[in-house]
Amino acid sequence: MVKKEVPVNEHFLVPEHRKLSAEEKAEIMQKYNATEKQFPKISIKDPAIKIFTPEVGDLIEITRKVLDNNGEYLYYRIVA
């Protein structure tokens, strides 16, 4: 039996990732009154963000599902 490989970003356990534009990044940083150093980091080698061809300093938005009430919440990570 041949196993079919599922792309990492399509796996059901991997939350949705999105690279923010420079304008979106500035808005988020202003909203939270934070600097790049204050955001949690995500590795530039992380398989979930490879499709975005990330650069150090990019801001990644991660949308996670809440299992209790079908809601969602957002996380932000800075590429390091």
PDB file of N, CA and C in Angstrom:
ATOM      1  N   MET A   1       0.841  -1.185   0.000  1.00  0.00           N
ATOM      2  CA  MET A   1       0.000   0.000   0.000  1.00  0.00           C
ATOM      3  C   MET A   1       0.882   1.243   0.000  1.00  0.00           C
ATOM      4  N   VAL A   2       0.623   2.149  -0.898  1.00  0.00           N
ATOM      5  CA  VAL A   2       1.396   3.376  -1.012  1.00  0.00           C
ATOM      6  C   VAL A   2       0.733   4.465  -0.184  1.00  0.00           C
ATOM      7  N   LYS A   3       1.521   5.109   0.689  1.00  0.00           N
ATOM      8  CA  LYS A   3       0.999   6.196   1.510  1.00  0.00           C
ATOM      9  C   LYS A   3       0.998   7.486   0.712  1.00  0.00           C
ATOM     10  N   LYS A   4      -0.098   8.201   0.790  1.00  0.00           N
ATOM     11  CA  LYS A   4      -0.200   9.496   0.130  1.00  0.00           C
ATOM     12  C   LYS A   4       0.258  10.562   1.112  1.00  0.00           C
ATOM     13  N   GLU A   5       1.240  11.363   0.703  1.00  0.00           N
ATOM     14  CA  GLU A   5       1.740  12.423   1.568  1.00  0.00           C
ATOM     15  C   GLU A   5       0.828  13.631   1.489  1.00  0.00           C
ATOM     16  N   VAL A   6       0.446  14.136   2.652  1.00  0.00           N
ATOM     17  CA  VAL A   6      -0.397  15.325   2.736  1.00  0.00           C
ATOM     18  C   VAL A   6       0.514  16.522   2.993  1.00  0.00           C
ATOM     19  N   PRO A   7       0.367  17.599   2.210  1.00  0.00           N
ATOM     20  CA  PRO A   7       1.161  18.794   2.488  1.00  0.00           C
ATOM     21  C   PRO A   7       0.897  19.276   3.916  1.00  0.00           C
ATOM     22  N   VAL A   8       1.935  19.725   4.586  1.00  0.00           N
ATOM     23  CA  VAL A   8       1.824  20.121   5.991  1.00  0.00           C
ATOM     24  C   VAL A   8       0.699  21.122   6.209  1.00  0.00           C
ATOM     25  N   ASN A   9       0.616  22.123   5.350  1.00  0.00           N
ATOM     26  CA  ASN A   9      -0.385  23.170   5.549  1.00  0.00           C
ATOM     27  C   ASN A   9      -1.814  22.698   5.288  1.00  0.00           C
ATOM     28  N   GLU A  10      -1.994  21.495   4.774  1.00  0.00           N
ATOM     29  CA  GLU A  10      -3.334  20.951   4.536  1.00  0.00           C
ATOM     30  C   GLU A  10      -3.735  19.903   5.570  1.00  0.00           C
ATOM     31  N   HIS A  11      -2.836  19.590   6.488  1.00  0.00           N
ATOM     32  CA  HIS A  11      -3.137  18.584   7.500  1.00  0.00           C
ATOM     33  C   HIS A  11      -4.158  19.149   8.488  1.00  0.00           C
ATOM     34  N   PHE A  12      -5.096  18.317   8.922  1.00  0.00           N
ATOM     35  CA  PHE A  12      -6.182  18.797   9.774  1.00  0.00           C
ATOM     36  C   PHE A  12      -5.713  19.267  11.157  1.00  0.00           C
ATOM     37  N   LEU A  13      -4.552  18.859  11.597  1.00  0.00           N
ATOM     38  CA  LEU A  13      -4.046  19.287  12.906  1.00  0.00           C
ATOM     39  C   LEU A  13      -3.244  20.591  12.853  1.00  0.00           C
ATOM     40  N   VAL A  14      -2.916  21.055  11.654  1.00  0.00           N
ATOM     41  CA  VAL A  14      -2.120  22.278  11.509  1.00  0.00           C
ATOM     42  C   VAL A  14      -3.073  23.457  11.316  1.00  0.00           C
ATOM     43  N   PRO A  15      -3.016  24.445  12.231  1.00  0.00           N
ATOM     44  CA  PRO A  15      -3.904  25.598  12.077  1.00  0.00           C
ATOM     45  C   PRO A  15      -3.528  26.429  10.850  1.00  0.00           C
ATOM     46  N   GLU A  16      -4.446  27.257  10.399  1.00  0.00           N
ATOM     47  CA  GLU A  16      -4.211  28.100   9.227  1.00  0.00           C
ATOM     48  C   GLU A  16      -3.169  29.171   9.555  1.00  0.00           C
ATOM     49  N   HIS A  17      -2.200  29.326   8.670  1.00  0.00           N
ATOM     50  CA  HIS A  17      -1.152  30.335   8.793  1.00  0.00           C
ATOM     51  C   HIS A  17      -1.288  31.315   7.637  1.00  0.00           C
ATOM     52  N   ARG A  18      -0.970  32.575   7.911  1.00  0.00           N
ATOM     53  CA  ARG A  18      -1.040  33.595   6.869  1.00  0.00           C
ATOM     54  C   ARG A  18       0.041  34.636   7.134  1.00  0.00           C
ATOM     55  N   LYS A  19       0.795  34.959   6.087  1.00  0.00           N
ATOM     56  CA  LYS A  19       1.824  35.995   6.201  1.00  0.00           C
ATOM     57  C   LYS A  19       1.148  37.348   6.004  1.00  0.00           C
ATOM     58  N   LEU A  20       1.350  38.260   6.954  1.00  0.00           N
ATOM     59  CA  LEU A  20       0.730  39.573   6.874  1.00  0.00           C
ATOM     60  C   LEU A  20       1.544  40.507   5.991  1.00  0.00           C
ATOM     61  N   SER A  21       0.847  41.428   5.362  1.00  0.00           N
ATOM     62  CA  SER A  21       1.529  42.453   4.562  1.00  0.00           C
ATOM     63  C   SER A  21       2.205  43.440   5.519  1.00  0.00           C
ATOM     64  N   ALA A  22       3.047  44.291   4.980  1.00  0.00           N
ATOM     65  CA  ALA A  22       3.742  45.286   5.791  1.00  0.00           C
ATOM     66  C   ALA A  22       2.735  46.207   6.489  1.00  0.00           C
ATOM     67  N   GLU A  23       1.660  46.559   5.798  1.00  0.00           N
ATOM     68  CA  GLU A  23       0.639  47.437   6.377  1.00  0.00           C
ATOM     69  C   GLU A  23      -0.100  46.729   7.514  1.00  0.00           C
ATOM     70  N   GLU A  24      -0.453  45.461   7.286  1.00  0.00           N
ATOM     71  CA  GLU A  24      -1.140  44.684   8.323  1.00  0.00           C
ATOM     72  C   GLU A  24      -0.240  44.508   9.541  1.00  0.00           C
ATOM     73  N   LYS A  25       1.045  44.261   9.295  1.00  0.00           N
ATOM     74  CA  LYS A  25       2.004  44.107  10.386  1.00  0.00           C
ATOM     75  C   LYS A  25       2.062  45.381  11.221  1.00  0.00           C
ATOM     76  N   ALA A  26       2.136  46.531  10.559  1.00  0.00           N
ATOM     77  CA  ALA A  26       2.199  47.813  11.267  1.00  0.00           C
ATOM     78  C   ALA A  26       0.931  48.031  12.107  1.00  0.00           C
ATOM     79  N   GLU A  27      -0.238  47.676  11.556  1.00  0.00           N
ATOM     80  CA  GLU A  27      -1.501  47.822  12.284  1.00  0.00           C
ATOM     81  C   GLU A  27      -1.522  46.954  13.543  1.00  0.00           C
ATOM     82  N   ILE A  28      -1.093  45.711  13.406  1.00  0.00           N
ATOM     83  CA  ILE A  28      -1.088  44.790  14.553  1.00  0.00           C
ATOM     84  C   ILE A  28      -0.105  45.273  15.611  1.00  0.00           C
ATOM     85  N   MET A  29       1.068  45.708  15.187  1.00  0.00           N
ATOM     86  CA  MET A  29       2.068  46.179  16.148  1.00  0.00           C
ATOM     87  C   MET A  29       1.569  47.425  16.877  1.00  0.00           C
ATOM     88  N   GLN A  30       0.864  48.300  16.157  1.00  0.00           N
ATOM     89  CA  GLN A  30       0.299  49.491  16.782  1.00  0.00           C
ATOM     90  C   GLN A  30      -0.853  49.111  17.712  1.00  0.00           C
ATOM     91  N   LYS A  31      -1.703  48.194  17.267  1.00  0.00           N
ATOM     92  CA  LYS A  31      -2.850  47.759  18.071  1.00  0.00           C
ATOM     93  C   LYS A  31      -2.412  47.230  19.433  1.00  0.00           C
ATOM     94  N   TYR A  32      -1.349  46.427  19.431  1.00  0.00           N
ATOM     95  CA  TYR A  32      -0.862  45.827  20.672  1.00  0.00           C
ATOM     96  C   TYR A  32       0.272  46.628  21.311  1.00  0.00           C
ATOM     97  N   ASN A  33       0.620  47.774  20.700  1.00  0.00           N
ATOM     98  CA  ASN A  33       1.693  48.620  21.211  1.00  0.00           C
ATOM     99  C   ASN A  33       2.930  47.780  21.525  1.00  0.00           C
ATOM    100  N   ALA A  34       3.348  47.000  20.532  1.00  0.00           N
ATOM    101  CA  ALA A  34       4.435  46.042  20.718  1.00  0.00           C
ATOM    102  C   ALA A  34       5.509  46.225  19.651  1.00  0.00           C
ATOM    103  N   THR A  35       6.704  45.784  19.982  1.00  0.00           N
ATOM    104  CA  THR A  35       7.808  45.773  19.030  1.00  0.00           C
ATOM    105  C   THR A  35       7.996  44.346  18.535  1.00  0.00           C
ATOM    106  N   GLU A  36       8.816  44.171  17.502  1.00  0.00           N
ATOM    107  CA  GLU A  36       9.079  42.829  16.976  1.00  0.00           C
ATOM    108  C   GLU A  36       9.626  41.908  18.057  1.00  0.00           C
ATOM    109  N   LYS A  37      10.468  42.439  18.928  1.00  0.00           N
ATOM    110  CA  LYS A  37      11.089  41.614  19.966  1.00  0.00           C
ATOM    111  C   LYS A  37      10.082  41.091  20.979  1.00  0.00           C
ATOM    112  N   GLN A  38       8.911  41.714  21.065  1.00  0.00           N
ATOM    113  CA  GLN A  38       7.922  41.306  22.051  1.00  0.00           C
ATOM    114  C   GLN A  38       6.985  40.207  21.545  1.00  0.00           C
ATOM    115  N   PHE A  39       7.008  39.929  20.247  1.00  0.00           N
ATOM    116  CA  PHE A  39       6.171  38.864  19.700  1.00  0.00           C
ATOM    117  C   PHE A  39       6.881  37.521  19.849  1.00  0.00           C
ATOM    118  N   PRO A  40       6.115  36.456  20.085  1.00  0.00           N
ATOM    119  CA  PRO A  40       6.724  35.120  20.085  1.00  0.00           C
ATOM    120  C   PRO A  40       7.312  34.839  18.708  1.00  0.00           C
ATOM    121  N   LYS A  41       8.295  33.982  18.660  1.00  0.00           N
ATOM    122  CA  LYS A  41       8.986  33.701  17.403  1.00  0.00           C
ATOM    123  C   LYS A  41       8.495  32.409  16.758  1.00  0.00           C
ATOM    124  N   ILE A  42       8.667  32.359  15.438  1.00  0.00           N
ATOM    125  CA  ILE A  42       8.438  31.133  14.680  1.00  0.00           C
ATOM    126  C   ILE A  42       9.666  30.980  13.786  1.00  0.00           C
ATOM    127  N   SER A  43      10.175  29.784  13.698  1.00  0.00           N
ATOM    128  CA  SER A  43      11.384  29.542  12.911  1.00  0.00           C
ATOM    129  C   SER A  43      11.122  29.741  11.425  1.00  0.00           C
ATOM    130  N   ILE A  44      12.087  30.329  10.763  1.00  0.00           N
ATOM    131  CA  ILE A  44      12.004  30.511   9.310  1.00  0.00           C
ATOM    132  C   ILE A  44      11.944  29.153   8.612  1.00  0.00           C
ATOM    133  N   LYS A  45      12.375  28.104   9.307  1.00  0.00           N
ATOM    134  CA  LYS A  45      12.373  26.751   8.747  1.00  0.00           C
ATOM    135  C   LYS A  45      11.109  25.967   9.096  1.00  0.00           C
ATOM    136  N   ASP A  46      10.158  26.584   9.777  1.00  0.00           N
ATOM    137  CA  ASP A  46       8.933  25.894  10.166  1.00  0.00           C
ATOM    138  C   ASP A  46       8.190  25.427   8.913  1.00  0.00           C
ATOM    139  N   PRO A  47       7.864  24.141   8.821  1.00  0.00           N
ATOM    140  CA  PRO A  47       7.205  23.613   7.617  1.00  0.00           C
ATOM    141  C   PRO A  47       5.867  24.278   7.301  1.00  0.00           C
ATOM    142  N   ALA A  48       5.165  24.768   8.317  1.00  0.00           N
ATOM    143  CA  ALA A  48       3.848  25.366   8.094  1.00  0.00           C
ATOM    144  C   ALA A  48       3.917  26.703   7.365  1.00  0.00           C
ATOM    145  N   ILE A  49       5.083  27.362   7.363  1.00  0.00           N
ATOM    146  CA  ILE A  49       5.178  28.669   6.703  1.00  0.00           C
ATOM    147  C   ILE A  49       6.080  28.658   5.474  1.00  0.00           C
ATOM    148  N   LYS A  50       6.632  27.513   5.133  1.00  0.00           N
ATOM    149  CA  LYS A  50       7.529  27.408   3.970  1.00  0.00           C
ATOM    150  C   LYS A  50       6.880  27.925   2.688  1.00  0.00           C
ATOM    151  N   ILE A  51       5.578  27.711   2.524  1.00  0.00           N
ATOM    152  CA  ILE A  51       4.892  28.101   1.286  1.00  0.00           C
ATOM    153  C   ILE A  51       4.868  29.613   1.089  1.00  0.00           C
ATOM    154  N   PHE A  52       5.115  30.385   2.153  1.00  0.00           N
ATOM    155  CA  PHE A  52       5.090  31.849   2.059  1.00  0.00           C
ATOM    156  C   PHE A  52       6.445  32.437   1.691  1.00  0.00           C
ATOM    157  N   THR A  53       7.474  31.601   1.565  1.00  0.00           N
ATOM    158  CA  THR A  53       8.862  32.065   1.404  1.00  0.00           C
ATOM    159  C   THR A  53       9.133  33.214   2.377  1.00  0.00           C
ATOM    160  N   PRO A  54       9.096  32.898   3.667  1.00  0.00           N
ATOM    161  CA  PRO A  54       9.210  33.936   4.691  1.00  0.00           C
ATOM    162  C   PRO A  54      10.612  34.537   4.768  1.00  0.00           C
ATOM    163  N   GLU A  55      10.650  35.734   5.288  1.00  0.00           N
ATOM    164  CA  GLU A  55      11.906  36.418   5.574  1.00  0.00           C
ATOM    165  C   GLU A  55      11.903  36.783   7.047  1.00  0.00           C
ATOM    166  N   VAL A  56      13.089  36.879   7.634  1.00  0.00           N
ATOM    167  CA  VAL A  56      13.196  37.258   9.039  1.00  0.00           C
ATOM    168  C   VAL A  56      12.504  38.606   9.224  1.00  0.00           C
ATOM    169  N   GLY A  57      11.644  38.694  10.235  1.00  0.00           N
ATOM    170  CA  GLY A  57      10.916  39.928  10.511  1.00  0.00           C
ATOM    171  C   GLY A  57       9.484  39.926  10.006  1.00  0.00           C
ATOM    172  N   ASP A  58       9.116  38.955   9.172  1.00  0.00           N
ATOM    173  CA  ASP A  58       7.721  38.865   8.722  1.00  0.00           C
ATOM    174  C   ASP A  58       6.840  38.494   9.911  1.00  0.00           C
ATOM    175  N   LEU A  59       5.589  38.932   9.870  1.00  0.00           N
ATOM    176  CA  LEU A  59       4.637  38.590  10.922  1.00  0.00           C
ATOM    177  C   LEU A  59       3.648  37.575  10.363  1.00  0.00           C
ATOM    178  N   ILE A  60       3.486  36.474  11.091  1.00  0.00           N
ATOM    179  CA  ILE A  60       2.597  35.386  10.683  1.00  0.00           C
ATOM    180  C   ILE A  60       1.377  35.380  11.599  1.00  0.00           C
ATOM    181  N   GLU A  61       0.197  35.314  11.002  1.00  0.00           N
ATOM    182  CA  GLU A  61      -1.053  35.207  11.752  1.00  0.00           C
ATOM    183  C   GLU A  61      -1.485  33.751  11.721  1.00  0.00           C
ATOM    184  N   ILE A  62      -1.778  33.203  12.892  1.00  0.00           N
ATOM    185  CA  ILE A  62      -2.195  31.810  13.013  1.00  0.00           C
ATOM    186  C   ILE A  62      -3.624  31.790  13.556  1.00  0.00           C
ATOM    187  N   THR A  63      -4.527  31.154  12.821  1.00  0.00           N
ATOM    188  CA  THR A  63      -5.925  31.065  13.227  1.00  0.00           C
ATOM    189  C   THR A  63      -6.166  29.681  13.807  1.00  0.00           C
ATOM    190  N   ARG A  64      -6.504  29.655  15.079  1.00  0.00           N
ATOM    191  CA  ARG A  64      -6.766  28.384  15.752  1.00  0.00           C
ATOM    192  C   ARG A  64      -8.245  28.260  16.047  1.00  0.00           C
ATOM    193  N   LYS A  65      -8.737  27.055  15.947  1.00  0.00           N
ATOM    194  CA  LYS A  65     -10.150  26.762  16.206  1.00  0.00           C
ATOM    195  C   LYS A  65     -10.351  26.455  17.684  1.00  0.00           C
ATOM    196  N   VAL A  66     -11.505  26.872  18.218  1.00  0.00           N
ATOM    197  CA  VAL A  66     -11.904  26.531  19.577  1.00  0.00           C
ATOM    198  C   VAL A  66     -12.896  25.386  19.451  1.00  0.00           C
ATOM    199  N   LEU A  67     -12.559  24.260  20.013  1.00  0.00           N
ATOM    200  CA  LEU A  67     -13.392  23.069  19.843  1.00  0.00           C
ATOM    201  C   LEU A  67     -14.718  23.151  20.597  1.00  0.00           C
ATOM    202  N   ASP A  68     -14.751  23.899  21.686  1.00  0.00           N
ATOM    203  CA  ASP A  68     -15.962  23.962  22.510  1.00  0.00           C
ATOM    204  C   ASP A  68     -17.139  24.631  21.807  1.00  0.00           C
ATOM    205  N   ASN A  69     -16.856  25.761  21.133  1.00  0.00           N
ATOM    206  CA  ASN A  69     -17.963  26.555  20.591  1.00  0.00           C
ATOM    207  C   ASN A  69     -17.788  26.926  19.114  1.00  0.00           C
ATOM    208  N   ASN A  70     -16.927  26.219  18.425  1.00  0.00           N
ATOM    209  CA  ASN A  70     -16.668  26.474  17.004  1.00  0.00           C
ATOM    210  C   ASN A  70     -16.157  27.884  16.724  1.00  0.00           C
ATOM    211  N   GLY A  71     -15.590  28.529  17.708  1.00  0.00           N
ATOM    212  CA  GLY A  71     -15.016  29.859  17.515  1.00  0.00           C
ATOM    213  C   GLY A  71     -13.581  29.771  17.012  1.00  0.00           C
ATOM    214  N   GLU A  72     -12.976  30.922  16.840  1.00  0.00           N
ATOM    215  CA  GLU A  72     -11.587  31.011  16.394  1.00  0.00           C
ATOM    216  C   GLU A  72     -10.874  32.079  17.205  1.00  0.00           C
ATOM    217  N   TYR A  73      -9.567  31.936  17.331  1.00  0.00           N
ATOM    218  CA  TYR A  73      -8.775  33.000  17.913  1.00  0.00           C
ATOM    219  C   TYR A  73      -7.457  33.101  17.174  1.00  0.00           C
ATOM    220  N   LEU A  74      -6.867  34.279  17.220  1.00  0.00           N
ATOM    221  CA  LEU A  74      -5.672  34.571  16.440  1.00  0.00           C
ATOM    222  C   LEU A  74      -4.427  34.630  17.316  1.00  0.00           C
ATOM    223  N   TYR A  75      -3.343  34.125  16.763  1.00  0.00           N
ATOM    224  CA  TYR A  75      -2.015  34.223  17.359  1.00  0.00           C
ATOM    225  C   TYR A  75      -1.119  34.907  16.341  1.00  0.00           C
ATOM    226  N   TYR A  76      -0.114  35.584  16.818  1.00  0.00           N
ATOM    227  CA  TYR A  76       0.847  36.225  15.922  1.00  0.00           C
ATOM    228  C   TYR A  76       2.243  35.771  16.316  1.00  0.00           C
ATOM    229  N   ARG A  77       3.061  35.482  15.300  1.00  0.00           N
ATOM    230  CA  ARG A  77       4.447  35.066  15.513  1.00  0.00           C
ATOM    231  C   ARG A  77       5.322  35.841  14.534  1.00  0.00           C
ATOM    232  N   ILE A  78       6.505  36.224  15.015  1.00  0.00           N
ATOM    233  CA  ILE A  78       7.464  36.930  14.169  1.00  0.00           C
ATOM    234  C   ILE A  78       8.479  35.901  13.663  1.00  0.00           C
ATOM    235  N   VAL A  79       8.789  35.956  12.398  1.00  0.00           N
ATOM    236  CA  VAL A  79       9.717  34.994  11.797  1.00  0.00           C
ATOM    237  C   VAL A  79      11.140  35.326  12.256  1.00  0.00           C
ATOM    238  N   ALA A  80      11.808  34.311  12.769  1.00  0.00           N
ATOM    239  CA  ALA A  80      13.179  34.492  13.265  1.00  0.00           C
ATOM    240  C   ALA A  80      14.088  33.441  12.653  1.00  0.00           C
TER     241      ALA A  80
END
